[in-house]
């Protein structure tokens, strides 16, 4: 069975043209932060989470952030979010939390963090807490301080960081966590580490199965499905097998959310000719999909038969062929 083991080995990279679309982690991260900001802090910055008075709520300040970053030389980033919260110490002073998810190593990263910090503080005159989430895979890239010194004038600015790849050593904690953001972190790590197409499909299916087994609400399942589908993109040739596996998992778990997912544009089966293949009775295509699902080891013969349109004896015959 394909599980969600820690992806600690590098894999062969896919070409950009082989994927369904160029990987874009900006939007899923923004969606994740907007939907699960409290859970994000609880998982990655628990000490800061404990200092926030959540009863007073929080609000996103996208326009305010845009005003101070419009002319900044920001380079590539995954997501920038500015959130207004209230502290638990009774102070009515707003705490503005700037969340930055950095996708690839950037030499001027620390200086950019400082630039955002002083611009926010100068503009609003409030306490600013700058947080950096590092999603790259370079072990040595851990910027947390900006320093400037000349002729007796010195500036030192430090900020908390969370290196997502550090969670590889704590993978079991992510799997056991009841925090929904743990699944976002798992998807991000798998997306960055696993590049081989077939292996990528396998871990994506395992993530979706894990999602359906967590007991989340219908709305949470759909939101997290979209994030995973966006983060862990596949070569076009492997998408039919993934879609079929999703159908089978939903049937098994009795969670028929496919119609909603189709309306959101996540289901790609029709464009890829799955329905055409069914209607025209292309047995060869059905058998190839069944073989792929058999190799995954996550579905029963009955589920594979239901997903592909083959009979159970046909599926079992294919299982026997694969063993030889």
C-alpha atoms as a PDB file:
ATOM      1  CA  UNK A   1       0.000   0.000   0.000  1.00  0.00           C
ATOM      2  CA  UNK A   2       1.183   3.485  -0.817  1.00  0.00           C
ATOM      3  CA  UNK A   3       1.245   5.524   2.353  1.00  0.00           C
ATOM      4  CA  UNK A   4       2.229   8.995   3.381  1.00  0.00           C
ATOM      5  CA  UNK A   5       5.761   8.133   4.394  1.00  0.00           C
ATOM      6  CA  UNK A   6       8.231  10.963   4.699  1.00  0.00           C
ATOM      7  CA  UNK A   7       9.577  11.792   1.198  1.00  0.00           C
ATOM      8  CA  UNK A   8      13.209  12.000   2.251  1.00  0.00           C
ATOM      9  CA  UNK A   9      14.754  10.910  -1.030  1.00  0.00           C
ATOM     10  CA  UNK A  10      15.141  13.120  -4.076  1.00  0.00           C
ATOM     11  CA  UNK A  11      13.312  11.995  -7.224  1.00  0.00           C
ATOM     12  CA  UNK A  12      13.793  12.599 -10.932  1.00  0.00           C
ATOM     13  CA  UNK A  13      12.266  15.920 -11.976  1.00  0.00           C
ATOM     14  CA  UNK A  14       9.340  16.190 -14.379  1.00  0.00           C
ATOM     15  CA  UNK A  15       9.565  18.643 -17.241  1.00  0.00           C
ATOM     16  CA  UNK A  16       7.317  21.676 -17.071  1.00  0.00           C
ATOM     17  CA  UNK A  17       5.565  20.609 -20.268  1.00  0.00           C
ATOM     18  CA  UNK A  18       4.628  17.265 -18.739  1.00  0.00           C
ATOM     19  CA  UNK A  19       2.560  18.748 -15.946  1.00  0.00           C
ATOM     20  CA  UNK A  20      -1.068  19.758 -16.285  1.00  0.00           C
ATOM     21  CA  UNK A  21      -0.017  23.354 -15.666  1.00  0.00           C
ATOM     22  CA  UNK A  22       2.966  25.115 -14.182  1.00  0.00           C
ATOM     23  CA  UNK A  23       3.117  24.679 -10.437  1.00  0.00           C
ATOM     24  CA  UNK A  24       1.637  27.715  -8.711  1.00  0.00           C
ATOM     25  CA  UNK A  25       1.770  27.512  -4.934  1.00  0.00           C
ATOM     26  CA  UNK A  26       0.866  31.144  -4.381  1.00  0.00           C
ATOM     27  CA  UNK A  27      -2.895  30.695  -4.681  1.00  0.00           C
ATOM     28  CA  UNK A  28      -3.314  27.499  -2.606  1.00  0.00           C
ATOM     29  CA  UNK A  29      -1.216  29.014   0.192  1.00  0.00           C
ATOM     30  CA  UNK A  30      -3.296  32.171   0.180  1.00  0.00           C
ATOM     31  CA  UNK A  31      -6.434  30.042   0.290  1.00  0.00           C
ATOM     32  CA  UNK A  32      -4.992  28.005   3.171  1.00  0.00           C
ATOM     33  CA  UNK A  33      -3.993  31.072   5.180  1.00  0.00           C
ATOM     34  CA  UNK A  34      -7.340  32.747   4.648  1.00  0.00           C
ATOM     35  CA  UNK A  35      -9.287  29.635   5.573  1.00  0.00           C
ATOM     36  CA  UNK A  36      -7.136  28.320   8.409  1.00  0.00           C
ATOM     37  CA  UNK A  37      -5.057  31.182   9.776  1.00  0.00           C
ATOM     38  CA  UNK A  38      -5.654  30.247  13.418  1.00  0.00           C
ATOM     39  CA  UNK A  39      -4.712  26.633  12.720  1.00  0.00           C
ATOM     40  CA  UNK A  40      -1.645  27.822  10.804  1.00  0.00           C
ATOM     41  CA  UNK A  41      -0.322  29.729  13.822  1.00  0.00           C
ATOM     42  CA  UNK A  42      -1.204  26.898  16.194  1.00  0.00           C
ATOM     43  CA  UNK A  43       0.840  24.397  14.181  1.00  0.00           C
ATOM     44  CA  UNK A  44       3.829  26.438  13.023  1.00  0.00           C
ATOM     45  CA  UNK A  45       4.073  29.250  15.596  1.00  0.00           C
ATOM     46  CA  UNK A  46       2.362  27.915  18.756  1.00  0.00           C
ATOM     47  CA  UNK A  47       3.949  30.449  21.123  1.00  0.00           C
ATOM     48  CA  UNK A  48       2.545  33.316  19.067  1.00  0.00           C
ATOM     49  CA  UNK A  49      -0.807  31.581  18.758  1.00  0.00           C
ATOM     50  CA  UNK A  50      -1.009  31.532  22.554  1.00  0.00           C
ATOM     51  CA  UNK A  51      -0.569  35.318  22.740  1.00  0.00           C
ATOM     52  CA  UNK A  52      -3.534  36.145  20.496  1.00  0.00           C
ATOM     53  CA  UNK A  53      -7.000  36.869  21.889  1.00  0.00           C
ATOM     54  CA  UNK A  54      -8.947  34.845  19.372  1.00  0.00           C
ATOM     55  CA  UNK A  55     -12.275  35.800  20.936  1.00  0.00           C
ATOM     56  CA  UNK A  56     -11.832  39.282  19.471  1.00  0.00           C
ATOM     57  CA  UNK A  57     -11.438  37.905  15.984  1.00  0.00           C
ATOM     58  CA  UNK A  58      -9.021  38.963  13.281  1.00  0.00           C
ATOM     59  CA  UNK A  59      -9.155  40.569   9.844  1.00  0.00           C
ATOM     60  CA  UNK A  60      -7.047  40.439   6.694  1.00  0.00           C
ATOM     61  CA  UNK A  61      -5.465  43.653   5.456  1.00  0.00           C
ATOM     62  CA  UNK A  62      -4.702  42.792   1.837  1.00  0.00           C
ATOM     63  CA  UNK A  63      -5.084  46.332   0.526  1.00  0.00           C
ATOM     64  CA  UNK A  64      -2.828  47.738   3.235  1.00  0.00           C
ATOM     65  CA  UNK A  65      -0.161  45.157   2.442  1.00  0.00           C
ATOM     66  CA  UNK A  66      -0.385  45.880  -1.259  1.00  0.00           C
ATOM     67  CA  UNK A  67       0.234  49.570  -0.621  1.00  0.00           C
ATOM     68  CA  UNK A  68       3.561  48.938   1.106  1.00  0.00           C
ATOM     69  CA  UNK A  69       4.779  46.199  -1.273  1.00  0.00           C
ATOM     70  CA  UNK A  70       3.735  47.640  -4.626  1.00  0.00           C
ATOM     71  CA  UNK A  71       7.182  49.067  -5.382  1.00  0.00           C
ATOM     72  CA  UNK A  72       9.234  46.508  -3.446  1.00  0.00           C
ATOM     73  CA  UNK A  73      11.714  44.269  -5.253  1.00  0.00           C
ATOM     74  CA  UNK A  74      10.116  41.165  -3.787  1.00  0.00           C
ATOM     75  CA  UNK A  75      11.274  38.396  -6.087  1.00  0.00           C
ATOM     76  CA  UNK A  76       9.318  35.118  -6.164  1.00  0.00           C
ATOM     77  CA  UNK A  77       7.131  34.395  -3.177  1.00  0.00           C
ATOM     78  CA  UNK A  78       4.384  31.949  -2.375  1.00  0.00           C
ATOM     79  CA  UNK A  79       2.081  34.156  -0.316  1.00  0.00           C
ATOM     80  CA  UNK A  80       2.055  37.382   1.619  1.00  0.00           C
ATOM     81  CA  UNK A  81      -0.691  38.003   4.173  1.00  0.00           C
ATOM     82  CA  UNK A  82      -1.201  40.811   6.621  1.00  0.00           C
ATOM     83  CA  UNK A  83      -3.585  40.060   9.476  1.00  0.00           C
ATOM     84  CA  UNK A  84      -4.846  42.341  12.210  1.00  0.00           C
ATOM     85  CA  UNK A  85      -5.231  40.596  15.578  1.00  0.00           C
ATOM     86  CA  UNK A  86      -5.506  41.531  19.237  1.00  0.00           C
ATOM     87  CA  UNK A  87      -3.108  40.482  21.983  1.00  0.00           C
ATOM     88  CA  UNK A  88      -4.165  38.662  25.145  1.00  0.00           C
ATOM     89  CA  UNK A  89      -2.369  41.129  27.427  1.00  0.00           C
ATOM     90  CA  UNK A  90      -5.362  43.480  27.388  1.00  0.00           C
ATOM     91  CA  UNK A  91      -3.736  46.079  25.183  1.00  0.00           C
ATOM     92  CA  UNK A  92      -5.928  47.652  22.575  1.00  0.00           C
ATOM     93  CA  UNK A  93      -2.927  48.050  20.293  1.00  0.00           C
ATOM     94  CA  UNK A  94      -3.296  46.111  17.118  1.00  0.00           C
ATOM     95  CA  UNK A  95      -0.768  43.453  16.327  1.00  0.00           C
ATOM     96  CA  UNK A  96      -0.179  43.204  12.606  1.00  0.00           C
ATOM     97  CA  UNK A  97       1.174  39.819  11.601  1.00  0.00           C
ATOM     98  CA  UNK A  98       2.912  39.652   8.268  1.00  0.00           C
ATOM     99  CA  UNK A  99       2.992  36.057   7.046  1.00  0.00           C
ATOM    100  CA  UNK A 100       5.366  35.268   4.201  1.00  0.00           C
ATOM    101  CA  UNK A 101       5.715  31.880   2.579  1.00  0.00           C
ATOM    102  CA  UNK A 102       8.970  31.824   0.621  1.00  0.00           C
ATOM    103  CA  UNK A 103       9.079  29.381  -2.254  1.00  0.00           C
ATOM    104  CA  UNK A 104      12.713  29.397  -3.392  1.00  0.00           C
ATOM    105  CA  UNK A 105      15.918  30.589  -1.701  1.00  0.00           C
ATOM    106  CA  UNK A 106      16.498  34.304  -2.159  1.00  0.00           C
ATOM    107  CA  UNK A 107      19.684  36.068  -1.145  1.00  0.00           C
ATOM    108  CA  UNK A 108      17.954  39.329  -0.192  1.00  0.00           C
ATOM    109  CA  UNK A 109      15.192  37.614   1.766  1.00  0.00           C
ATOM    110  CA  UNK A 110      16.133  38.967   5.229  1.00  0.00           C
ATOM    111  CA  UNK A 111      16.464  42.509   3.917  1.00  0.00           C
ATOM    112  CA  UNK A 112      13.058  42.241   2.279  1.00  0.00           C
ATOM    113  CA  UNK A 113      11.538  41.073   5.562  1.00  0.00           C
ATOM    114  CA  UNK A 114      13.015  44.144   7.246  1.00  0.00           C
ATOM    115  CA  UNK A 115      11.725  46.423   4.476  1.00  0.00           C
ATOM    116  CA  UNK A 116       8.184  45.152   5.004  1.00  0.00           C
ATOM    117  CA  UNK A 117       8.582  45.503   8.754  1.00  0.00           C
ATOM    118  CA  UNK A 118       9.648  49.159   8.825  1.00  0.00           C
ATOM    119  CA  UNK A 119       7.162  50.181   6.143  1.00  0.00           C
ATOM    120  CA  UNK A 120       4.273  48.671   8.080  1.00  0.00           C
ATOM    121  CA  UNK A 121       5.385  50.181  11.372  1.00  0.00           C
ATOM    122  CA  UNK A 122       5.968  53.598   9.800  1.00  0.00           C
ATOM    123  CA  UNK A 123       2.620  53.629   8.037  1.00  0.00           C
ATOM    124  CA  UNK A 124       0.396  52.333  10.853  1.00  0.00           C
ATOM    125  CA  UNK A 125       2.383  53.041  14.015  1.00  0.00           C
ATOM    126  CA  UNK A 126       1.552  49.680  15.549  1.00  0.00           C
ATOM    127  CA  UNK A 127       3.406  46.595  16.734  1.00  0.00           C
ATOM    128  CA  UNK A 128       4.368  44.381  13.816  1.00  0.00           C
ATOM    129  CA  UNK A 129       5.281  40.718  14.095  1.00  0.00           C
ATOM    130  CA  UNK A 130       6.951  39.410  10.919  1.00  0.00           C
ATOM    131  CA  UNK A 131       6.832  35.669  10.319  1.00  0.00           C
ATOM    132  CA  UNK A 132       8.585  33.688   7.587  1.00  0.00           C
ATOM    133  CA  UNK A 133       7.579  30.245   6.420  1.00  0.00           C
ATOM    134  CA  UNK A 134      10.348  28.696   4.324  1.00  0.00           C
ATOM    135  CA  UNK A 135       9.057  26.132   1.839  1.00  0.00           C
ATOM    136  CA  UNK A 136      12.300  25.511  -0.057  1.00  0.00           C
ATOM    137  CA  UNK A 137      14.399  22.345   0.169  1.00  0.00           C
ATOM    138  CA  UNK A 138      17.832  23.885   0.780  1.00  0.00           C
ATOM    139  CA  UNK A 139      18.872  22.837   4.280  1.00  0.00           C
ATOM    140  CA  UNK A 140      21.274  25.744   4.745  1.00  0.00           C
ATOM    141  CA  UNK A 141      18.769  28.428   3.777  1.00  0.00           C
ATOM    142  CA  UNK A 142      17.476  29.697   7.135  1.00  0.00           C
ATOM    143  CA  UNK A 143      17.452  33.511   7.074  1.00  0.00           C
ATOM    144  CA  UNK A 144      16.164  34.958  10.350  1.00  0.00           C
ATOM    145  CA  UNK A 145      18.216  38.122  10.830  1.00  0.00           C
ATOM    146  CA  UNK A 146      18.949  41.298   8.895  1.00  0.00           C
ATOM    147  CA  UNK A 147      22.043  43.212   9.990  1.00  0.00           C
ATOM    148  CA  UNK A 148      23.430  46.563   8.938  1.00  0.00           C
ATOM    149  CA  UNK A 149      26.484  48.246  10.463  1.00  0.00           C
ATOM    150  CA  UNK A 150      28.709  51.151   9.520  1.00  0.00           C
ATOM    151  CA  UNK A 151      30.714  53.744  11.465  1.00  0.00           C
ATOM    152  CA  UNK A 152      29.173  52.907  14.811  1.00  0.00           C
ATOM    153  CA  UNK A 153      25.610  52.782  13.492  1.00  0.00           C
ATOM    154  CA  UNK A 154      24.158  49.271  13.776  1.00  0.00           C
ATOM    155  CA  UNK A 155      20.778  47.694  13.055  1.00  0.00           C
ATOM    156  CA  UNK A 156      19.784  44.123  13.914  1.00  0.00           C
ATOM    157  CA  UNK A 157      16.328  42.806  12.987  1.00  0.00           C
ATOM    158  CA  UNK A 158      15.357  39.213  13.788  1.00  0.00           C
ATOM    159  CA  UNK A 159      12.110  37.381  13.082  1.00  0.00           C
ATOM    160  CA  UNK A 160      10.648  33.898  13.728  1.00  0.00           C
ATOM    161  CA  UNK A 161      10.800  31.342  10.929  1.00  0.00           C
ATOM    162  CA  UNK A 162       9.296  27.941  10.232  1.00  0.00           C
ATOM    163  CA  UNK A 163      11.200  25.641   7.886  1.00  0.00           C
ATOM    164  CA  UNK A 164       8.618  23.216   6.495  1.00  0.00           C
ATOM    165  CA  UNK A 165      11.200  20.569   5.627  1.00  0.00           C
ATOM    166  CA  UNK A 166      12.033  20.258   9.334  1.00  0.00           C
ATOM    167  CA  UNK A 167       8.669  18.500   9.653  1.00  0.00           C
ATOM    168  CA  UNK A 168      10.035  15.566   7.676  1.00  0.00           C
ATOM    169  CA  UNK A 169      11.693  14.408  10.905  1.00  0.00           C
ATOM    170  CA  UNK A 170       8.325  14.871  12.661  1.00  0.00           C
ATOM    171  CA  UNK A 171       6.183  13.215   9.986  1.00  0.00           C
ATOM    172  CA  UNK A 172       4.320  11.010  12.453  1.00  0.00           C
ATOM    173  CA  UNK A 173       3.241  14.130  14.333  1.00  0.00           C
ATOM    174  CA  UNK A 174       1.687  15.532  11.174  1.00  0.00           C
ATOM    175  CA  UNK A 175      -0.161  12.291  10.521  1.00  0.00           C
ATOM    176  CA  UNK A 176      -1.490  12.167  14.087  1.00  0.00           C
ATOM    177  CA  UNK A 177      -2.321  15.873  14.325  1.00  0.00           C
ATOM    178  CA  UNK A 178      -5.951  16.985  14.537  1.00  0.00           C
ATOM    179  CA  UNK A 179      -4.936  20.358  13.120  1.00  0.00           C
ATOM    180  CA  UNK A 180      -6.208  20.648   9.539  1.00  0.00           C
ATOM    181  CA  UNK A 181      -3.140  22.686   8.556  1.00  0.00           C
ATOM    182  CA  UNK A 182      -0.996  19.603   9.055  1.00  0.00           C
ATOM    183  CA  UNK A 183      -2.406  18.266   5.778  1.00  0.00           C
ATOM    184  CA  UNK A 184      -1.409  21.482   3.992  1.00  0.00           C
ATOM    185  CA  UNK A 185       2.156  21.093   5.271  1.00  0.00           C
ATOM    186  CA  UNK A 186       2.219  17.437   4.212  1.00  0.00           C
ATOM    187  CA  UNK A 187       1.024  18.335   0.714  1.00  0.00           C
ATOM    188  CA  UNK A 188       3.627  21.103   0.399  1.00  0.00           C
ATOM    189  CA  UNK A 189       6.466  18.808   1.491  1.00  0.00           C
ATOM    190  CA  UNK A 190       5.384  16.052  -0.895  1.00  0.00           C
ATOM    191  CA  UNK A 191       5.050  18.558  -3.727  1.00  0.00           C
ATOM    192  CA  UNK A 192       8.573  19.887  -3.206  1.00  0.00           C
ATOM    193  CA  UNK A 193      10.257  16.534  -2.615  1.00  0.00           C
ATOM    194  CA  UNK A 194       8.509  14.122  -4.976  1.00  0.00           C
ATOM    195  CA  UNK A 195       9.057  14.945  -8.647  1.00  0.00           C
ATOM    196  CA  UNK A 196       8.743  11.583 -10.395  1.00  0.00           C
ATOM    197  CA  UNK A 197       5.338  11.553 -12.073  1.00  0.00           C
ATOM    198  CA  UNK A 198       4.093   8.099 -11.067  1.00  0.00           C
ATOM    199  CA  UNK A 199       5.316   8.458  -7.500  1.00  0.00           C
ATOM    200  CA  UNK A 200       3.759  11.916  -7.355  1.00  0.00           C
ATOM    201  CA  UNK A 201       0.406  10.472  -8.400  1.00  0.00           C
ATOM    202  CA  UNK A 202       0.689   7.780  -5.744  1.00  0.00           C
ATOM    203  CA  UNK A 203       1.347  10.221  -2.904  1.00  0.00           C
ATOM    204  CA  UNK A 204      -1.411  12.528  -4.145  1.00  0.00           C
ATOM    205  CA  UNK A 205      -3.928   9.681  -3.994  1.00  0.00           C
ATOM    206  CA  UNK A 206      -2.629   8.776  -0.533  1.00  0.00           C
ATOM    207  CA  UNK A 207      -3.130  12.399   0.586  1.00  0.00           C
ATOM    208  CA  UNK A 208      -6.707  12.387  -0.721  1.00  0.00           C
ATOM    209  CA  UNK A 209      -7.455   9.101   1.046  1.00  0.00           C
ATOM    210  CA  UNK A 210      -5.967  10.532   4.233  1.00  0.00           C
ATOM    211  CA  UNK A 211      -8.180  13.605   3.775  1.00  0.00           C
ATOM    212  CA  UNK A 212     -11.333  11.495   3.533  1.00  0.00           C
ATOM    213  CA  UNK A 213     -10.400   9.472   6.608  1.00  0.00           C
ATOM    214  CA  UNK A 214      -9.923  12.459   8.938  1.00  0.00           C
ATOM    215  CA  UNK A 215     -13.597  13.072   9.637  1.00  0.00           C
ATOM    216  CA  UNK A 216     -13.571  16.624   8.277  1.00  0.00           C
ATOM    217  CA  UNK A 217     -16.749  18.457   7.320  1.00  0.00           C
ATOM    218  CA  UNK A 218     -17.922  18.494   3.711  1.00  0.00           C
ATOM    219  CA  UNK A 219     -16.743  22.087   3.299  1.00  0.00           C
ATOM    220  CA  UNK A 220     -13.312  21.294   4.744  1.00  0.00           C
ATOM    221  CA  UNK A 221     -12.897  18.267   2.482  1.00  0.00           C
ATOM    222  CA  UNK A 222     -13.671  20.324  -0.609  1.00  0.00           C
ATOM    223  CA  UNK A 223     -11.378  23.198   0.447  1.00  0.00           C
ATOM    224  CA  UNK A 224      -8.479  20.908   1.292  1.00  0.00           C
ATOM    225  CA  UNK A 225      -9.043  18.855  -1.867  1.00  0.00           C
ATOM    226  CA  UNK A 226      -8.651  22.009  -3.950  1.00  0.00           C
ATOM    227  CA  UNK A 227      -5.442  22.942  -2.118  1.00  0.00           C
ATOM    228  CA  UNK A 228      -3.917  19.478  -2.563  1.00  0.00           C
ATOM    229  CA  UNK A 229      -4.976  19.300  -6.214  1.00  0.00           C
ATOM    230  CA  UNK A 230      -3.396  22.698  -6.810  1.00  0.00           C
ATOM    231  CA  UNK A 231      -0.172  21.994  -4.925  1.00  0.00           C
ATOM    232  CA  UNK A 232       0.542  18.473  -6.150  1.00  0.00           C
ATOM    233  CA  UNK A 233       0.069  18.735  -9.909  1.00  0.00           C
ATOM    234  CA  UNK A 234       0.490  15.753 -12.212  1.00  0.00           C
ATOM    235  CA  UNK A 235       1.534  15.048 -15.804  1.00  0.00           C
ATOM    236  CA  UNK A 236      -1.592  15.000 -17.973  1.00  0.00           C
ATOM    237  CA  UNK A 237      -1.149  11.322 -18.788  1.00  0.00           C
ATOM    238  CA  UNK A 238      -1.496  10.375 -15.106  1.00  0.00           C
ATOM    239  CA  UNK A 239      -4.560  12.445 -14.314  1.00  0.00           C
ATOM    240  CA  UNK A 240      -7.158   9.860 -15.476  1.00  0.00           C
ATOM    241  CA  UNK A 241      -5.893   7.291 -12.968  1.00  0.00           C
ATOM    242  CA  UNK A 242      -5.963   9.892 -10.207  1.00  0.00           C
ATOM    243  CA  UNK A 243      -9.522  10.940 -11.015  1.00  0.00           C
ATOM    244  CA  UNK A 244     -10.694   7.339 -11.086  1.00  0.00           C
ATOM    245  CA  UNK A 245      -9.076   6.710  -7.720  1.00  0.00           C
ATOM    246  CA  UNK A 246     -10.856   9.740  -6.253  1.00  0.00           C
ATOM    247  CA  UNK A 247     -14.194   8.404  -7.499  1.00  0.00           C
ATOM    248  CA  UNK A 248     -13.496   5.045  -5.887  1.00  0.00           C
ATOM    249  CA  UNK A 249     -12.385   6.563  -2.574  1.00  0.00           C
ATOM    250  CA  UNK A 250     -15.500   8.715  -2.409  1.00  0.00           C
ATOM    251  CA  UNK A 251     -17.694   5.709  -3.084  1.00  0.00           C
ATOM    252  CA  UNK A 252     -15.906   3.693  -0.423  1.00  0.00           C
ATOM    253  CA  UNK A 253     -16.220   6.453   2.168  1.00  0.00           C
ATOM    254  CA  UNK A 254     -19.783   7.293   1.090  1.00  0.00           C
ATOM    255  CA  UNK A 255     -18.815  10.936   0.620  1.00  0.00           C
ATOM    256  CA  UNK A 256     -20.147  11.881  -2.835  1.00  0.00           C
ATOM    257  CA  UNK A 257     -18.548  15.290  -3.250  1.00  0.00           C
ATOM    258  CA  UNK A 258     -17.603  14.776  -6.897  1.00  0.00           C
ATOM    259  CA  UNK A 259     -20.394  16.973  -8.299  1.00  0.00           C
ATOM    260  CA  UNK A 260     -19.219  19.926  -6.251  1.00  0.00           C
ATOM    261  CA  UNK A 261     -15.605  19.287  -7.234  1.00  0.00           C
ATOM    262  CA  UNK A 262     -16.627  19.139 -10.894  1.00  0.00           C
ATOM    263  CA  UNK A 263     -18.370  22.504 -10.671  1.00  0.00           C
ATOM    264  CA  UNK A 264     -15.211  23.987  -9.191  1.00  0.00           C
ATOM    265  CA  UNK A 265     -13.239  22.797 -12.193  1.00  0.00           C
ATOM    266  CA  UNK A 266     -11.102  20.270 -10.296  1.00  0.00           C
ATOM    267  CA  UNK A 267     -12.393  17.157 -12.038  1.00  0.00           C
ATOM    268  CA  UNK A 268     -10.555  16.872 -15.355  1.00  0.00           C
ATOM    269  CA  UNK A 269     -11.852  13.527 -16.529  1.00  0.00           C
ATOM    270  CA  UNK A 270     -14.092  14.730 -19.329  1.00  0.00           C
ATOM    271  CA  UNK A 271     -11.329  16.834 -20.898  1.00  0.00           C
ATOM    272  CA  UNK A 272      -8.943  13.898 -20.702  1.00  0.00           C
ATOM    273  CA  UNK A 273     -11.349  11.588 -22.479  1.00  0.00           C
ATOM    274  CA  UNK A 274     -12.356   9.353 -19.566  1.00  0.00           C
ATOM    275  CA  UNK A 275     -16.060   9.619 -20.332  1.00  0.00           C
ATOM    276  CA  UNK A 276     -15.374   9.178 -24.027  1.00  0.00           C
ATOM    277  CA  UNK A 277     -13.398   6.070 -23.221  1.00  0.00           C
ATOM    278  CA  UNK A 278     -16.279   4.646 -21.175  1.00  0.00           C
ATOM    279  CA  UNK A 279     -18.905   5.432 -23.803  1.00  0.00           C
ATOM    280  CA  UNK A 280     -16.912   3.921 -26.644  1.00  0.00           C
ATOM    281  CA  UNK A 281     -16.034   0.861 -24.621  1.00  0.00           C
ATOM    282  CA  UNK A 282     -12.295   1.211 -24.918  1.00  0.00           C
ATOM    283  CA  UNK A 283     -11.410  -1.854 -22.938  1.00  0.00           C
ATOM    284  CA  UNK A 284      -7.688  -1.320 -23.347  1.00  0.00           C
ATOM    285  CA  UNK A 285      -7.869   2.062 -21.655  1.00  0.00           C
ATOM    286  CA  UNK A 286      -9.984   0.618 -18.842  1.00  0.00           C
ATOM    287  CA  UNK A 287      -7.506  -2.179 -18.272  1.00  0.00           C
ATOM    288  CA  UNK A 288      -4.575   0.228 -18.193  1.00  0.00           C
ATOM    289  CA  UNK A 289      -6.339   2.364 -15.585  1.00  0.00           C
ATOM    290  CA  UNK A 290      -7.147  -0.763 -13.575  1.00  0.00           C
ATOM    291  CA  UNK A 291      -3.496  -1.872 -13.690  1.00  0.00           C
ATOM    292  CA  UNK A 292      -2.423   1.516 -12.373  1.00  0.00           C
ATOM    293  CA  UNK A 293      -4.915   1.320  -9.523  1.00  0.00           C
ATOM    294  CA  UNK A 294      -3.841  -2.245  -8.708  1.00  0.00           C
ATOM    295  CA  UNK A 295      -0.222  -1.094  -8.419  1.00  0.00           C
ATOM    296  CA  UNK A 296      -1.236   1.604  -5.937  1.00  0.00           C
ATOM    297  CA  UNK A 297      -2.522  -1.049  -3.534  1.00  0.00           C
ATOM    298  CA  UNK A 298      -5.086   1.274  -1.934  1.00  0.00           C
ATOM    299  CA  UNK A 299      -8.331  -0.094  -3.460  1.00  0.00           C
ATOM    300  CA  UNK A 300     -10.098  -3.451  -3.360  1.00  0.00           C
ATOM    301  CA  UNK A 301     -10.886  -5.433  -6.508  1.00  0.00           C
ATOM    302  CA  UNK A 302     -14.537  -4.428  -6.185  1.00  0.00           C
ATOM    303  CA  UNK A 303     -13.672  -0.738  -5.922  1.00  0.00           C
ATOM    304  CA  UNK A 304     -11.358  -0.908  -8.939  1.00  0.00           C
ATOM    305  CA  UNK A 305     -14.089  -2.669 -10.922  1.00  0.00           C
ATOM    306  CA  UNK A 306     -16.574   0.020 -10.000  1.00  0.00           C
ATOM    307  CA  UNK A 307     -14.143   2.799 -10.858  1.00  0.00           C
ATOM    308  CA  UNK A 308     -13.159   1.414 -14.261  1.00  0.00           C
ATOM    309  CA  UNK A 309     -16.331  -0.290 -15.445  1.00  0.00           C
ATOM    310  CA  UNK A 310     -14.656  -3.705 -15.609  1.00  0.00           C
ATOM    311  CA  UNK A 311     -16.042  -6.776 -13.881  1.00  0.00           C
ATOM    312  CA  UNK A 312     -14.530  -8.094 -10.649  1.00  0.00           C
ATOM    313  CA  UNK A 313     -13.262 -11.279 -12.412  1.00  0.00           C
ATOM    314  CA  UNK A 314     -11.569  -9.053 -15.022  1.00  0.00           C
ATOM    315  CA  UNK A 315      -9.805  -7.089 -12.291  1.00  0.00           C
ATOM    316  CA  UNK A 316      -8.704 -10.261 -10.540  1.00  0.00           C
ATOM    317  CA  UNK A 317      -7.362 -11.611 -13.822  1.00  0.00           C
ATOM    318  CA  UNK A 318      -5.293  -8.453 -14.221  1.00  0.00           C
ATOM    319  CA  UNK A 319      -4.006  -8.877 -10.658  1.00  0.00           C
ATOM    320  CA  UNK A 320      -2.885 -12.392 -11.553  1.00  0.00           C
ATOM    321  CA  UNK A 321      -1.129 -11.133 -14.700  1.00  0.00           C
ATOM    322  CA  UNK A 322       0.779  -8.490 -12.721  1.00  0.00           C
ATOM    323  CA  UNK A 323       2.084 -11.126 -10.325  1.00  0.00           C
ATOM    324  CA  UNK A 324       3.699 -13.083 -13.146  1.00  0.00           C
END
